[in-house]
Amino acid sequence: MAYSQRFRVASLLCLAWTLLLYSELPLRAANQADSQAWFQATITGSYEGEVSGHGVLVLLPGAGFEKQGYFFLADGQGIRPHGVTFILPRGIARGKHSLRSISPFEIGKVPSVRVDRDMGDSVRSAVNNTSGFLELEAFPEAERELSGSDVRGKFEFETESASGERITVKGDFSFSAK
């Protein structure tokens, strides 16, 4: 191979390598940012599992028995083996909040939580005899400013399913609301 042909091949390889490198930069930045956003929990007791994914915070302004609205805070995995979902009243502030079992009339009025377990053909929820806490370390102060707000905290609680399966759930989350 002549010198000019080797030079062209080497130049093309360098160009291809450079294009490949620069085309991956946005993906690398996104993956690094993604590694900084999480919602994770460990479930132990009658059944065990892990919850891991991005967090989601949504305001549902007309939800609730009296249409008072509430926040929906959860792992954002969609269909998954286990899921943790908090229902938080509007106006909730940073700090440590007690979790307990509630009646349907209290949804969105006091902090509550449910743990869902996908059984293949059905979903079982654990919401009975709940006790524990949710600590909000960072939370949007204004409902109008959810997008980009830091949402950070930790939780630990016990709850059970309608069939008496008792579980303990411990976890934390840190993400930016969208």
Protein backbone atom coordinates (compact mmCIF):
# COMPACT_ATOMS: atom_id res chain seq x y z
CA MET A 1 0.00 0.00 0.00
CA ALA A 2 1.36 3.37 -0.93
CA TYR A 3 1.94 6.07 1.65
CA SER A 4 -0.98 8.19 0.41
CA GLN A 5 -3.40 5.25 0.65
CA ARG A 6 -2.26 4.43 4.20
CA PHE A 7 -2.61 8.09 5.11
CA ARG A 8 -6.18 8.16 3.71
CA VAL A 9 -7.15 4.97 5.56
CA ALA A 10 -5.65 6.27 8.82
CA SER A 11 -7.40 9.62 8.32
CA LEU A 12 -10.74 7.92 7.69
CA LEU A 13 -10.30 5.74 10.77
CA CYS A 14 -9.47 8.82 12.89
CA LEU A 15 -12.47 10.66 11.48
CA ALA A 16 -14.76 7.70 12.15
CA TRP A 17 -13.41 7.37 15.72
CA THR A 18 -13.92 11.11 16.33
CA LEU A 19 -17.49 11.03 15.00
CA LEU A 20 -18.26 7.99 17.13
CA LEU A 21 -16.80 9.65 20.23
CA TYR A 22 -18.73 12.90 19.74
CA SER A 23 -21.96 11.13 18.90
CA GLU A 24 -21.79 9.35 22.29
CA LEU A 25 -21.17 12.50 24.35
CA PRO A 26 -24.87 13.35 24.82
CA LEU A 27 -25.53 9.73 25.81
CA ARG A 28 -22.68 9.78 28.31
CA ALA A 29 -23.91 13.05 29.81
CA ALA A 30 -27.45 11.69 30.04
CA ASN A 31 -26.25 8.46 31.67
CA GLN A 32 -24.18 10.42 34.18
CA ALA A 33 -27.18 12.62 34.97
CA ASP A 34 -29.41 9.53 35.23
CA SER A 35 -27.05 7.98 37.78
CA GLN A 36 -27.70 11.02 39.96
CA ALA A 37 -31.50 10.49 39.95
CA TRP A 38 -33.07 7.59 41.78
CA PHE A 39 -35.91 6.14 43.80
CA GLN A 40 -34.91 2.97 45.58
CA ALA A 41 -36.31 0.75 48.30
CA THR A 42 -35.72 -2.61 49.90
CA ILE A 43 -38.69 -4.75 50.93
CA THR A 44 -38.25 -7.43 53.60
CA GLY A 45 -40.62 -9.61 55.58
CA SER A 46 -43.35 -11.90 54.26
CA TYR A 47 -42.02 -11.26 50.78
CA GLU A 48 -38.87 -9.54 49.60
CA GLY A 49 -37.90 -7.37 46.70
CA GLU A 50 -36.17 -4.29 45.42
CA VAL A 51 -37.56 -1.11 43.92
CA SER A 52 -35.18 0.84 41.76
CA GLY A 53 -35.73 3.55 39.20
CA HIS A 54 -36.29 7.22 38.58
CA GLY A 55 -38.58 9.13 40.88
CA VAL A 56 -41.82 10.77 39.81
CA LEU A 57 -43.63 13.69 41.46
CA VAL A 58 -46.98 14.72 40.01
CA LEU A 59 -49.63 17.10 41.28
CA LEU A 60 -53.14 15.81 40.71
CA PRO A 61 -55.09 19.03 41.40
CA GLY A 62 -58.64 17.63 41.33
CA ALA A 63 -58.00 14.22 42.89
CA GLY A 64 -59.30 13.00 46.23
CA PHE A 65 -62.70 12.35 47.76
CA GLU A 66 -63.36 16.06 48.12
CA LYS A 67 -61.37 16.96 44.99
CA GLN A 68 -58.81 18.75 47.16
CA GLY A 69 -55.91 17.43 45.06
CA TYR A 70 -52.71 15.77 46.17
CA PHE A 71 -49.16 14.88 45.17
CA PHE A 72 -48.28 11.47 43.80
CA LEU A 73 -44.64 10.51 44.67
CA ALA A 74 -43.40 7.16 43.37
CA ASP A 75 -40.78 5.18 41.55
CA GLY A 76 -41.29 5.76 37.85
CA GLN A 77 -40.84 2.23 36.55
CA GLY A 78 -44.33 1.63 35.24
CA ILE A 79 -45.06 -2.09 35.25
CA ARG A 80 -42.65 -3.68 37.70
CA PRO A 81 -42.51 -6.49 40.26
CA HIS A 82 -42.82 -4.08 43.22
CA GLY A 83 -43.74 -0.43 43.51
CA VAL A 84 -43.90 2.17 46.28
CA THR A 85 -46.37 5.05 45.95
CA PHE A 86 -46.83 7.94 48.39
CA ILE A 87 -49.94 10.16 48.35
CA LEU A 88 -49.11 13.55 49.89
CA PRO A 89 -51.45 16.42 50.70
CA ARG A 90 -51.13 19.74 48.94
CA GLY A 91 -49.15 22.16 51.06
CA ILE A 92 -46.93 19.46 52.55
CA ALA A 93 -43.57 20.87 53.64
CA ARG A 94 -40.09 19.56 54.23
CA GLY A 95 -39.66 17.55 57.40
CA LYS A 96 -40.49 14.19 58.92
CA HIS A 97 -44.06 12.98 58.41
CA SER A 98 -45.78 10.02 60.06
CA LEU A 99 -47.29 7.37 57.82
CA ARG A 100 -50.35 5.40 58.85
CA SER A 101 -53.22 3.50 57.32
CA ILE A 102 -56.03 5.76 56.19
CA SER A 103 -59.65 5.48 55.15
CA PRO A 104 -60.68 6.23 51.54
CA PHE A 105 -62.07 9.57 52.77
CA GLU A 106 -58.56 10.63 53.92
CA ILE A 107 -56.70 10.03 50.63
CA GLY A 108 -54.72 13.15 49.90
CA LYS A 109 -55.47 14.75 53.27
CA VAL A 110 -52.67 13.02 55.22
CA PRO A 111 -49.43 11.38 54.03
CA SER A 112 -50.03 7.74 53.09
CA VAL A 113 -48.24 4.96 51.22
CA ARG A 114 -49.02 1.75 49.37
CA VAL A 115 -46.74 -1.03 48.18
CA ASP A 116 -47.87 -2.89 45.07
CA ARG A 117 -46.75 -6.39 44.16
CA ASP A 118 -47.33 -7.68 40.64
CA MET A 119 -48.62 -11.25 40.81
CA GLY A 120 -48.74 -11.76 37.03
CA ASP A 121 -52.51 -11.84 36.62
CA SER A 122 -53.26 -9.39 39.44
CA VAL A 123 -51.68 -6.79 41.71
CA ARG A 124 -51.70 -7.07 45.50
CA SER A 125 -51.36 -3.94 47.57
CA ALA A 126 -50.09 -3.55 51.11
CA VAL A 127 -51.80 -0.60 52.85
CA ASN A 128 -53.05 -2.00 56.18
CA ASN A 129 -51.70 -1.39 59.70
CA THR A 130 -49.09 1.02 58.36
CA SER A 131 -46.65 2.74 60.68
CA GLY A 132 -43.43 4.60 59.96
CA PHE A 133 -42.18 7.82 58.43
CA LEU A 134 -41.41 9.74 55.27
CA GLU A 135 -38.78 12.44 55.62
CA LEU A 136 -38.80 15.11 52.92
CA GLU A 137 -35.36 16.73 52.81
CA ALA A 138 -36.08 18.76 49.65
CA PHE A 139 -39.54 19.39 48.22
CA PRO A 140 -41.00 22.13 45.97
CA GLU A 141 -42.33 25.05 47.96
CA ALA A 142 -44.65 26.26 45.21
CA GLU A 143 -46.96 24.01 43.19
CA ARG A 144 -46.40 26.20 40.13
CA GLU A 145 -42.66 25.45 40.23
CA LEU A 146 -42.57 21.65 40.19
CA SER A 147 -40.53 21.35 37.00
CA GLY A 148 -36.83 21.18 37.85
CA SER A 149 -37.40 21.26 41.61
CA ASP A 150 -35.26 19.03 43.82
CA VAL A 151 -37.15 16.17 45.44
CA ARG A 152 -35.11 14.31 48.04
CA GLY A 153 -35.89 12.21 51.09
CA LYS A 154 -35.95 8.87 52.84
CA PHE A 155 -38.54 6.57 54.33
CA GLU A 156 -39.02 3.56 56.55
CA PHE A 157 -42.32 1.91 57.33
CA GLU A 158 -44.12 -1.34 58.01
CA THR A 159 -47.39 -2.32 56.38
CA GLU A 160 -49.35 -5.42 55.47
CA SER A 161 -51.57 -6.76 52.72
CA ALA A 162 -55.22 -7.71 53.12
CA SER A 163 -54.10 -11.35 53.57
CA GLY A 164 -51.78 -10.36 56.46
CA GLU A 165 -48.43 -10.42 54.65
CA ARG A 166 -46.36 -8.03 56.81
CA ILE A 167 -43.43 -6.22 55.20
CA THR A 168 -40.87 -3.56 56.12
CA VAL A 169 -39.80 -1.04 53.49
CA LYS A 170 -36.72 1.20 53.68
CA GLY A 171 -35.52 3.53 50.96
CA ASP A 172 -34.60 6.93 49.67
CA PHE A 173 -34.98 9.12 46.61
CA SER A 174 -33.30 12.06 44.93
CA PHE A 175 -34.39 13.48 41.59
CA SER A 176 -35.58 16.59 39.78
CA ALA A 177 -39.30 16.91 39.19
CA LYS A 178 -40.40 17.18 35.56
